[in-house]
Amino acid sequence: MTPKREQRIRNKIKKIKAALAADKKHWGGYHHDGQGLRYLPPSLYLQLNDFTGGLRYLNWFNKNFPDDIGYPDFLFECTVILYKTGRLKEAARNAFKTFTGNTYLFDKFFGRPSVAIDKWEGSNWERASHTAHFQYNHQQENLSDFGIWLEDLIQTEQFSALAAKYIDIHKRLKNEDNRETRGYLTEQARQLENKL
């Protein structure tokens, strides 16, 4: 990366942070980030290979948006940052959250064909339409070590069991009309996210 390109990315991060700070000052909080600016910095830090800066941003994000579930791409980028800064337990939990956000994203990362699962996609991004812009793959030089770690993680007994249970719940949700049962199943799926 040229110094000029690096400076442009760093300036973009500064502009995003300034816009978020102005939002907080004007509204007394970050409730009006309708553009989703808060989700952009992790990808910029990954472009810079500035994982320490990315971690500082994640700490700020988690402090200011503690209930924000994020988007699958954002969660994936956070997982990379956590892995690259040695926070492996947090990275593993975030990897599972990424999986629950989009069960097809890891296939895309590893260059595997995605096979549609006959499940309810209401809380999950549709396979074809939302992974098309995903820009990461396991062959990228700065992600090859992460790719090895992620492959090992998703093949563990614990991750595999939780993933299978999550998919089973969503298969059941696809054909379940009873509101109470749907609520129960949705809560079960949500609780799985914190089991890893």
Protein backbone atom coordinates (compact mmCIF):
# COMPACT_ATOMS: atom_id res chain seq x y z
CA MET A 1 0.00 0.00 0.00
CA THR A 2 1.32 3.40 -0.89
CA PRO A 3 1.70 6.03 1.83
CA LYS A 4 -0.84 8.18 -0.03
CA ARG A 5 -3.44 5.39 0.00
CA GLU A 6 -2.77 4.70 3.68
CA GLN A 7 -3.27 8.38 4.49
CA ARG A 8 -6.57 8.44 2.58
CA ILE A 9 -7.84 5.47 4.63
CA ARG A 10 -6.71 7.06 7.90
CA ASN A 11 -8.44 10.30 6.89
CA LYS A 12 -11.61 8.36 6.17
CA ILE A 13 -11.47 6.83 9.67
CA LYS A 14 -11.03 10.30 11.16
CA LYS A 15 -14.03 11.63 9.20
CA ILE A 16 -16.20 8.74 10.39
CA LYS A 17 -15.16 9.28 14.00
CA ALA A 18 -15.80 13.02 13.67
CA ALA A 19 -19.26 12.40 12.20
CA LEU A 20 -20.12 10.01 15.04
CA ALA A 21 -18.84 12.51 17.62
CA ALA A 22 -20.94 15.27 16.03
CA ASP A 23 -23.97 12.97 16.14
CA LYS A 24 -23.43 12.33 19.83
CA LYS A 25 -22.98 16.02 20.55
CA HIS A 26 -26.10 17.00 18.61
CA TRP A 27 -28.42 14.22 19.80
CA GLY A 28 -26.85 13.37 23.15
CA GLY A 29 -26.05 9.86 21.95
CA TYR A 30 -25.40 7.72 18.88
CA HIS A 31 -29.04 6.94 18.19
CA HIS A 32 -29.23 8.56 14.77
CA ASP A 33 -26.44 6.79 12.86
CA GLY A 34 -28.83 5.91 10.07
CA GLN A 35 -25.98 5.65 7.57
CA GLY A 36 -24.36 2.88 9.60
CA LEU A 37 -21.06 4.75 9.84
CA ARG A 38 -20.21 2.88 13.03
CA TYR A 39 -19.85 -0.36 11.03
CA LEU A 40 -17.23 0.97 8.59
CA PRO A 41 -13.97 1.39 10.57
CA PRO A 42 -13.14 -2.32 11.10
CA SER A 43 -12.85 -2.89 7.34
CA LEU A 44 -10.62 0.17 7.08
CA TYR A 45 -8.38 -1.03 9.91
CA LEU A 46 -8.11 -4.41 8.17
CA GLN A 47 -7.02 -2.68 4.96
CA LEU A 48 -4.28 -0.96 6.97
CA ASN A 49 -3.34 -4.14 8.85
CA ASP A 50 -3.72 -1.94 11.94
CA PHE A 51 -5.21 -4.54 14.27
CA THR A 52 -4.32 -2.63 17.44
CA GLY A 53 -6.17 0.42 16.14
CA GLY A 54 -9.03 -1.87 15.16
CA LEU A 55 -9.15 -3.31 18.67
CA ARG A 56 -9.29 0.18 20.19
CA TYR A 57 -12.21 0.92 17.90
CA LEU A 58 -13.98 -2.33 18.88
CA ASN A 59 -13.58 -1.47 22.56
CA TRP A 60 -15.11 1.96 21.87
CA PHE A 61 -17.89 0.38 19.80
CA ASN A 62 -18.78 -2.17 22.49
CA LYS A 63 -18.83 0.54 25.17
CA ASN A 64 -21.09 2.84 23.12
CA PHE A 65 -23.27 0.24 21.37
CA PRO A 66 -23.48 -2.64 23.89
CA ASP A 67 -26.73 -4.05 22.46
CA ASP A 68 -25.85 -3.66 18.78
CA ILE A 69 -25.80 -7.07 17.09
CA GLY A 70 -24.01 -5.79 13.97
CA TYR A 71 -24.05 -7.15 10.43
CA PRO A 72 -22.34 -10.40 9.38
CA ASP A 73 -19.54 -8.61 7.47
CA PHE A 74 -18.92 -6.35 10.47
CA LEU A 75 -18.91 -9.33 12.85
CA PHE A 76 -16.48 -11.15 10.57
CA GLU A 77 -14.13 -8.14 10.53
CA CYS A 78 -14.34 -7.91 14.32
CA THR A 79 -13.48 -11.61 14.54
CA VAL A 80 -10.35 -11.07 12.44
CA ILE A 81 -9.28 -8.14 14.62
CA LEU A 82 -9.83 -10.12 17.82
CA TYR A 83 -7.85 -13.07 16.41
CA LYS A 84 -5.01 -10.86 15.17
CA THR A 85 -4.69 -9.24 18.62
CA GLY A 86 -4.57 -12.57 20.45
CA ARG A 87 -8.07 -12.52 21.94
CA LEU A 88 -8.88 -16.03 20.81
CA LYS A 89 -11.83 -16.77 23.14
CA GLU A 90 -13.54 -13.55 22.11
CA ALA A 91 -12.69 -14.27 18.48
CA ALA A 92 -14.27 -17.74 18.75
CA ARG A 93 -17.48 -16.30 20.25
CA ASN A 94 -17.58 -13.64 17.57
CA ALA A 95 -17.00 -16.26 14.85
CA PHE A 96 -20.12 -18.07 16.02
CA LYS A 97 -22.08 -14.80 16.04
CA THR A 98 -20.86 -14.27 12.47
CA PHE A 99 -22.14 -17.74 11.58
CA THR A 100 -25.55 -17.03 13.11
CA GLY A 101 -25.67 -13.72 11.24
CA ASN A 102 -25.07 -15.49 7.93
CA THR A 103 -24.66 -19.25 7.83
CA TYR A 104 -23.21 -18.99 4.31
CA LEU A 105 -20.46 -16.43 4.95
CA PHE A 106 -17.73 -18.89 5.89
CA ASP A 107 -18.38 -20.83 2.68
CA LYS A 108 -17.79 -17.59 0.81
CA PHE A 109 -14.58 -16.92 2.77
CA PHE A 110 -13.21 -20.38 2.01
CA GLY A 111 -14.33 -20.29 -1.61
CA ARG A 112 -16.71 -23.20 -1.17
CA PRO A 113 -19.97 -23.44 -3.04
CA SER A 114 -22.87 -22.44 -0.82
CA VAL A 115 -25.61 -25.01 -0.67
CA ALA A 116 -28.97 -23.56 0.27
CA ILE A 117 -30.27 -24.91 3.56
CA ASP A 118 -34.01 -25.44 3.79
CA LYS A 119 -34.44 -23.16 6.78
CA TRP A 120 -36.09 -19.95 7.88
CA GLU A 121 -33.97 -17.02 6.67
CA GLY A 122 -35.85 -14.23 8.43
CA SER A 123 -33.10 -13.37 10.87
CA ASN A 124 -30.33 -14.47 8.53
CA TRP A 125 -29.11 -12.70 5.43
CA GLU A 126 -30.18 -14.37 2.24
CA ARG A 127 -27.41 -16.47 0.77
CA ALA A 128 -27.20 -15.06 -2.73
CA SER A 129 -28.08 -11.42 -2.32
CA HIS A 130 -26.01 -10.39 0.69
CA THR A 131 -22.74 -12.26 0.37
CA ALA A 132 -22.00 -11.02 -3.15
CA HIS A 133 -20.13 -7.94 -1.85
CA PHE A 134 -18.16 -9.86 0.80
CA GLN A 135 -14.53 -8.98 0.06
CA TYR A 136 -12.51 -11.44 2.12
CA ASN A 137 -11.09 -14.86 1.35
CA HIS A 138 -8.73 -17.30 3.02
CA GLN A 139 -6.09 -16.84 0.31
CA GLN A 140 -5.46 -13.19 1.13
CA GLU A 141 -1.94 -12.88 2.48
CA ASN A 142 -2.95 -11.06 5.66
CA LEU A 143 -5.79 -13.54 6.34
CA SER A 144 -4.13 -16.90 5.68
CA ASP A 145 -3.25 -17.52 9.34
CA PHE A 146 -6.75 -16.46 10.36
CA GLY A 147 -8.18 -18.84 7.77
CA ILE A 148 -6.29 -21.79 9.27
CA TRP A 149 -7.48 -20.85 12.76
CA LEU A 150 -11.09 -20.41 11.59
CA GLU A 151 -11.11 -23.74 9.73
CA ASP A 152 -9.84 -25.49 12.87
CA LEU A 153 -12.44 -23.68 14.99
CA ILE A 154 -15.46 -24.55 12.86
CA GLN A 155 -14.41 -28.19 12.81
CA THR A 156 -14.28 -28.45 16.60
CA GLU A 157 -16.93 -30.60 18.23
CA GLN A 158 -18.34 -27.66 20.18
CA PHE A 159 -18.69 -25.31 17.19
CA SER A 160 -20.08 -28.07 14.96
CA ALA A 161 -22.66 -29.08 17.57
CA LEU A 162 -23.80 -25.51 18.17
CA ALA A 163 -23.98 -24.81 14.42
CA ALA A 164 -26.03 -27.96 13.83
CA LYS A 165 -28.39 -27.02 16.68
CA TYR A 166 -28.76 -23.48 15.31
CA ILE A 167 -29.59 -24.75 11.83
CA ASP A 168 -32.04 -27.31 13.25
CA ILE A 169 -33.88 -24.55 15.12
CA HIS A 170 -34.15 -22.51 11.93
CA LYS A 171 -35.37 -25.52 9.97
CA ARG A 172 -38.12 -25.91 12.57
CA LEU A 173 -38.91 -22.19 12.45
CA LYS A 174 -39.47 -22.34 8.69
CA ASN A 175 -42.63 -24.41 9.08
CA GLU A 176 -43.75 -23.35 12.56
CA ASP A 177 -46.85 -21.16 12.69
CA ASN A 178 -47.56 -21.24 16.42
CA ARG A 179 -46.52 -17.88 17.83
CA GLU A 180 -45.56 -19.22 21.25
CA THR A 181 -43.45 -22.01 19.77
CA ARG A 182 -41.77 -19.58 17.38
CA GLY A 183 -40.93 -17.32 20.31
CA TYR A 184 -39.45 -20.25 22.22
CA LEU A 185 -37.37 -21.39 19.24
CA THR A 186 -36.15 -17.87 18.53
CA GLU A 187 -35.06 -17.49 22.14
CA GLN A 188 -33.25 -20.86 21.95
CA ALA A 189 -31.37 -19.68 18.84
CA ARG A 190 -30.45 -16.40 20.54
CA GLN A 191 -29.11 -18.21 23.61
CA LEU A 192 -26.85 -20.36 21.44
CA GLU A 193 -24.87 -17.29 20.43
CA ASN A 194 -23.35 -17.04 23.91
CA LYS A 195 -22.51 -20.73 24.38
CA LEU A 196 -19.12 -20.82 22.64
